Amino acid sequence: MLAIGLAAPMSVWAQDSQPQEIQDDVVVTARKPLDTQQARRFVARISAQTQGQIARFDADVCPLVIGFKPALKEQIDARIRRVAKAIGAGVAKPDCRGNVVLVATDAGGVLVQRLRSSRPDLFSGMQPAEIRRLARSAGPVRSWATTAATNEDGQRVGEAKSGDSKDLPKLYVQSASIFAPSSKQVIEASVVVVDTPVTLGKTVIQLADYATMRALARTRPVEDVEGIGTILTLFDSATPPQSVTDADVAYLTALYAMPGTRSLNYQVGRIAKGVKGASAPKP
């Protein structure tokens, strides 16, 4: 997906001083049980909606890691795959085309500008003002996703059936309901660009899990959400989690378990139910 246009200046630190390695284990500590409203506020706070839905991947997830030593690239790739598989997303074979991209660079704004010129398709669905804000952001993370509207079978707008005219954009749907949309918003590619200085002191697991949480759904970084632990606080907390948390896993699991053709309110409710359940004491 990003075979062209990713040549951005990489700091010497990115090549020589890499994130520390830890064992690929996840130790999750549950906090006090949440009530329904707390869980819904958490989901609403971290979710960025796309045309009235929380977008997700329909295609198999294929990590592409840039700016790290080869050995660490392999570990990050493996970790993203492991978490994606655990939450129910499809995972592509190793020789796939990258659609979940993690880049470490000390020129994130420059990279965004270059990609805007060389790969405008990566910003499909974004307004010019959004792209400019992304490039001008002070960092330390710039993240975005390419999304598209499809029908139940994954057919995009403009992909007419055989023999049909393509004069006008079309989206053929198999069903219609007043309770659920007839189309779904899917993520076609996600890019997470991290400034190399802020990766200092972070582990491979933390970086991989943060990228996974930002890329597999259009989520937002947060400082704190009512004390609910989330890897999304990685760059905004003095004591961030060591890996994805119960709430993170529950969020992604619920999103990928339900049909894609569901309204935002329905999605938030189902995800909040999963997050609330994950906070309950284990027997």
Protein backbone atom coordinates (compact mmCIF):
# COMPACT_ATOMS: atom_id res chain seq x y z
CA MET A 1 0.00 0.00 0.00
CA LEU A 2 2.87 2.37 0.76
CA ALA A 3 5.54 1.11 -1.59
CA ILE A 4 6.07 4.66 -2.91
CA GLY A 5 6.55 7.95 -1.11
CA LEU A 6 7.66 6.96 2.38
CA ALA A 7 11.22 8.23 2.14
CA ALA A 8 11.19 10.71 5.02
CA PRO A 9 14.23 11.68 7.11
CA MET A 10 14.80 9.18 9.89
CA SER A 11 16.81 10.22 12.91
CA VAL A 12 19.99 8.42 13.90
CA TRP A 13 18.20 7.55 17.13
CA ALA A 14 15.55 5.64 15.20
CA GLN A 15 18.22 3.34 13.84
CA ASP A 16 20.50 2.97 16.85
CA SER A 17 18.45 3.47 20.02
CA GLN A 18 15.39 1.33 19.68
CA PRO A 19 12.51 0.69 22.06
CA GLN A 20 13.35 -1.90 24.68
CA GLU A 21 12.22 -5.46 24.17
CA ILE A 22 9.98 -7.31 26.62
CA GLN A 23 8.40 -10.71 26.65
CA ASP A 24 5.30 -10.97 24.46
CA ASP A 25 2.92 -11.40 27.37
CA VAL A 26 -0.05 -9.27 28.31
CA VAL A 27 -0.79 -8.66 31.96
CA VAL A 28 -4.04 -6.74 32.31
CA THR A 29 -5.19 -5.36 35.62
CA ALA A 30 -8.91 -4.64 35.88
CA ARG A 31 -10.12 -1.54 37.71
CA LYS A 32 -13.37 -1.15 39.60
CA PRO A 33 -16.47 -2.25 37.66
CA LEU A 34 -17.98 0.35 35.35
CA ASP A 35 -21.60 1.32 35.06
CA THR A 36 -23.30 1.65 31.68
CA GLN A 37 -22.94 5.41 31.42
CA GLN A 38 -19.23 5.32 32.27
CA ALA A 39 -18.65 2.71 29.60
CA ARG A 40 -20.62 4.69 27.00
CA ARG A 41 -18.69 7.88 27.80
CA PHE A 42 -15.43 6.00 27.39
CA VAL A 43 -16.46 4.64 23.99
CA ALA A 44 -17.76 8.01 22.81
CA ARG A 45 -14.62 9.81 24.00
CA ILE A 46 -12.13 7.63 22.15
CA SER A 47 -14.17 7.01 18.97
CA ALA A 48 -14.01 9.10 15.79
CA GLN A 49 -17.12 8.44 13.69
CA THR A 50 -17.21 8.28 9.90
CA GLN A 51 -20.53 9.14 8.25
CA GLY A 52 -22.52 7.96 11.26
CA GLN A 53 -20.55 4.78 11.95
CA ILE A 54 -17.36 3.56 13.61
CA ALA A 55 -15.33 2.29 10.67
CA ARG A 56 -13.33 -0.94 10.79
CA PHE A 57 -11.37 -3.20 8.46
CA ASP A 58 -13.20 -5.69 6.28
CA ALA A 59 -10.01 -6.79 4.53
CA ASP A 60 -7.36 -8.83 6.32
CA VAL A 61 -4.94 -6.78 8.41
CA CYS A 62 -1.40 -6.51 7.00
CA PRO A 63 1.15 -4.58 9.11
CA LEU A 64 3.90 -2.49 7.51
CA VAL A 65 6.50 -1.19 9.98
CA ILE A 66 9.01 1.49 8.93
CA GLY A 67 11.83 3.22 10.80
CA PHE A 68 12.89 0.44 13.17
CA LYS A 69 15.67 -2.14 13.11
CA PRO A 70 14.73 -5.33 11.22
CA ALA A 71 14.50 -7.46 14.37
CA LEU A 72 12.16 -4.98 16.05
CA LYS A 73 10.12 -4.57 12.88
CA GLU A 74 9.48 -8.32 12.98
CA GLN A 75 8.44 -8.18 16.64
CA ILE A 76 6.07 -5.25 16.07
CA ASP A 77 4.60 -6.93 12.99
CA ALA A 78 4.04 -10.16 14.94
CA ARG A 79 2.47 -8.34 17.88
CA ILE A 80 0.02 -6.38 15.69
CA ARG A 81 -0.99 -9.64 14.02
CA ARG A 82 -1.42 -11.38 17.36
CA VAL A 83 -3.71 -8.69 18.79
CA ALA A 84 -5.68 -8.37 15.54
CA LYS A 85 -6.30 -12.10 15.48
CA ALA A 86 -7.25 -12.14 19.16
CA ILE A 87 -9.98 -9.51 18.71
CA GLY A 88 -11.47 -11.23 15.67
CA ALA A 89 -10.03 -9.28 12.74
CA GLY A 90 -8.77 -11.12 9.67
CA VAL A 91 -4.98 -11.33 9.38
CA ALA A 92 -3.18 -11.54 6.04
CA LYS A 93 -0.25 -13.77 5.16
CA PRO A 94 3.29 -12.33 5.51
CA ASP A 95 3.69 -11.52 1.78
CA CYS A 96 0.73 -9.10 1.82
CA ARG A 97 0.43 -5.44 0.87
CA GLY A 98 0.58 -3.26 3.97
CA ASN A 99 -2.62 -1.61 5.12
CA VAL A 100 -1.79 -1.01 8.80
CA VAL A 101 1.28 1.20 8.71
CA LEU A 102 3.44 2.29 11.65
CA VAL A 103 6.19 4.79 10.84
CA ALA A 104 8.83 6.18 13.21
CA THR A 105 10.36 9.41 11.91
CA ASP A 106 11.56 12.75 13.22
CA ALA A 107 9.90 14.53 10.29
CA GLY A 108 6.26 13.55 10.59
CA GLY A 109 4.92 16.75 9.09
CA VAL A 110 7.26 16.45 6.12
CA LEU A 111 6.17 12.87 5.58
CA VAL A 112 2.50 13.83 5.54
CA GLN A 113 3.19 16.57 2.99
CA ARG A 114 5.15 14.19 0.77
CA LEU A 115 2.44 11.57 0.91
CA ARG A 116 -0.16 14.19 0.13
CA SER A 117 1.68 14.86 -3.14
CA SER A 118 2.80 11.34 -4.04
CA ARG A 119 -0.08 9.27 -2.64
CA PRO A 120 -3.23 11.41 -2.49
CA ASP A 121 -5.28 8.20 -2.45
CA LEU A 122 -4.13 7.65 1.14
CA PHE A 123 -6.16 10.70 2.16
CA SER A 124 -9.34 9.70 0.39
CA GLY A 125 -12.40 10.97 2.23
CA MET A 126 -10.48 13.69 4.11
CA GLN A 127 -11.06 17.39 3.57
CA PRO A 128 -8.06 19.54 2.49
CA ALA A 129 -8.25 21.44 5.78
CA GLU A 130 -8.00 18.16 7.70
CA ILE A 131 -4.89 17.16 5.79
CA ARG A 132 -3.29 20.56 6.40
CA ARG A 133 -3.99 20.31 10.12
CA LEU A 134 -2.50 16.82 10.13
CA ALA A 135 0.72 18.03 8.48
CA ARG A 136 1.00 21.07 10.76
CA SER A 137 0.30 19.14 13.94
CA ALA A 138 3.02 19.37 16.56
CA GLY A 139 2.76 15.61 17.11
CA PRO A 140 3.94 13.42 18.69
CA VAL A 141 1.56 11.17 16.71
CA ARG A 142 -0.21 11.74 13.42
CA SER A 143 -2.78 9.11 12.56
CA TRP A 144 -5.40 8.84 9.86
CA ALA A 145 -7.34 6.28 7.85
CA THR A 146 -8.59 5.88 4.31
CA THR A 147 -12.25 4.89 4.46
CA ALA A 148 -14.94 3.95 1.96
CA ALA A 149 -18.65 3.21 1.99
CA THR A 150 -19.57 -0.29 0.84
CA ASN A 151 -22.66 -2.49 0.79
CA GLU A 152 -23.07 -5.69 2.79
CA ASP A 153 -20.85 -7.59 0.33
CA GLY A 154 -18.06 -5.03 0.29
CA GLN A 155 -18.98 -3.43 -3.02
CA ARG A 156 -17.97 0.23 -3.17
CA VAL A 157 -19.88 3.16 -4.62
CA GLY A 158 -19.35 3.24 -8.39
CA GLU A 159 -18.67 -0.48 -8.74
CA ALA A 160 -21.59 -1.32 -10.99
CA LYS A 161 -22.75 -4.84 -11.65
CA SER A 162 -21.97 -6.39 -15.03
CA GLY A 163 -23.88 -4.67 -17.82
CA ASP A 164 -24.92 -1.68 -15.71
CA SER A 165 -24.14 1.89 -16.67
CA LYS A 166 -21.42 3.65 -14.70
CA ASP A 167 -22.61 7.13 -15.61
CA LEU A 168 -23.67 7.77 -12.02
CA PRO A 169 -22.15 6.48 -8.77
CA LYS A 170 -24.14 3.54 -7.42
CA LEU A 171 -24.17 1.50 -4.26
CA TYR A 172 -26.19 -1.69 -4.62
CA VAL A 173 -27.61 -2.97 -1.34
CA GLN A 174 -29.22 -6.29 -0.57
CA SER A 175 -31.46 -5.14 2.25
CA ALA A 176 -32.90 -2.03 3.85
CA SER A 177 -34.01 -1.41 7.41
CA ILE A 178 -35.14 1.51 9.53
CA PHE A 179 -33.03 0.05 12.35
CA ALA A 180 -29.71 -0.43 10.55
CA PRO A 181 -27.92 1.32 7.68
CA SER A 182 -27.80 -0.48 4.34
CA SER A 183 -24.13 0.41 3.92
CA LYS A 184 -21.02 0.26 6.07
CA GLN A 185 -17.93 2.39 6.48
CA VAL A 186 -14.76 0.33 6.07
CA ILE A 187 -11.13 1.20 6.68
CA GLU A 188 -8.99 0.46 3.65
CA ALA A 189 -5.69 1.64 5.13
CA SER A 190 -4.53 3.18 8.41
CA VAL A 191 -1.32 5.12 8.95
CA VAL A 192 0.23 5.92 12.35
CA VAL A 193 3.25 8.25 12.26
CA VAL A 194 5.15 8.54 15.55
CA ASP A 195 7.89 11.07 16.32
CA THR A 196 10.97 9.05 17.19
CA PRO A 197 11.93 10.99 20.36
CA VAL A 198 8.71 10.00 22.15
CA THR A 199 9.37 6.31 21.54
CA LEU A 200 12.31 6.55 23.94
CA GLY A 201 11.53 4.41 26.97
CA LYS A 202 8.52 2.76 25.33
CA THR A 203 8.53 -0.98 24.76
CA VAL A 204 7.90 -2.83 21.53
CA ILE A 205 4.62 -4.11 22.98
CA GLN A 206 3.44 -0.63 23.92
CA LEU A 207 4.19 0.82 20.49
CA ALA A 208 2.67 -2.12 18.62
CA ASP A 209 -0.47 -2.11 20.78
CA TYR A 210 -0.87 1.66 20.50
CA ALA A 211 -0.63 1.45 16.72
CA THR A 212 -3.11 -1.43 16.68
CA MET A 213 -5.63 0.47 18.79
CA ARG A 214 -5.31 3.57 16.60
CA ALA A 215 -5.38 1.67 13.30
CA LEU A 216 -8.01 -1.07 13.66
CA ALA A 217 -10.63 1.54 14.55
CA ARG A 218 -10.60 5.30 14.16
CA THR A 219 -9.78 6.02 17.78
CA ARG A 220 -8.38 9.15 19.41
CA PRO A 221 -5.56 9.54 21.95
CA VAL A 222 -6.69 10.57 25.42
CA GLU A 223 -5.14 11.68 28.69
CA ASP A 224 -7.62 10.00 31.00
CA VAL A 225 -11.18 8.77 30.72
CA GLU A 226 -12.68 8.42 34.19
CA GLY A 227 -9.73 6.30 35.27
CA ILE A 228 -10.39 3.62 32.64
CA GLY A 229 -7.07 2.18 31.51
CA THR A 230 -6.30 2.34 27.79
CA ILE A 231 -3.14 2.12 25.71
CA LEU A 232 -4.36 5.31 24.01
CA THR A 233 -2.83 7.22 26.95
CA LEU A 234 0.65 5.99 25.98
CA PHE A 235 2.00 9.44 25.11
CA ASP A 236 -0.20 11.44 27.51
CA SER A 237 0.28 9.68 30.83
CA ALA A 238 3.21 9.39 33.22
CA THR A 239 2.24 5.79 33.95
CA PRO A 240 0.68 4.35 30.78
CA PRO A 241 -0.34 0.68 30.51
CA GLN A 242 2.27 -1.84 29.45
CA SER A 243 -0.05 -3.24 26.77
CA VAL A 244 -3.62 -3.14 25.52
CA THR A 245 -6.02 -3.20 28.44
CA ASP A 246 -9.22 -5.10 29.14
CA ALA A 247 -11.16 -2.06 27.90
CA ASP A 248 -9.13 -1.85 24.68
CA VAL A 249 -9.57 -5.53 23.88
CA ALA A 250 -13.28 -5.39 24.69
CA TYR A 251 -13.72 -2.32 22.45
CA LEU A 252 -12.10 -3.91 19.40
CA THR A 253 -13.63 -7.35 20.00
CA ALA A 254 -17.16 -5.91 20.12
CA LEU A 255 -16.58 -3.73 17.05
CA TYR A 256 -15.36 -6.64 14.95
CA ALA A 257 -17.96 -9.09 16.25
CA MET A 258 -21.04 -7.16 15.15
CA PRO A 259 -22.20 -6.68 11.54
CA GLY A 260 -20.63 -3.65 9.87
CA THR A 261 -24.02 -2.33 8.80
CA ARG A 262 -25.00 -0.88 12.15
CA SER A 263 -25.67 2.69 13.28
CA LEU A 264 -23.27 4.65 15.44
CA ASN A 265 -25.64 4.54 18.42
CA TYR A 266 -25.99 0.77 18.11
CA GLN A 267 -22.22 0.34 17.81
CA VAL A 268 -21.53 2.52 20.84
CA GLY A 269 -24.09 0.57 22.88
CA ARG A 270 -22.68 -2.83 21.94
CA ILE A 271 -19.09 -1.76 22.48
CA ALA A 272 -19.95 -0.12 25.81
CA LYS A 273 -21.62 -3.36 26.92
CA GLY A 274 -18.40 -5.22 26.15
CA VAL A 275 -16.24 -2.66 27.96
CA LYS A 276 -18.53 -2.77 30.99
CA GLY A 277 -18.42 -6.56 31.02
CA ALA A 278 -14.64 -6.55 30.81
CA SER A 279 -14.46 -4.43 33.96
CA ALA A 280 -16.48 -6.87 36.04
CA PRO A 281 -14.60 -8.96 38.63
CA LYS A 282 -13.33 -12.26 37.25
CA PRO A 283 -14.68 -15.39 39.01
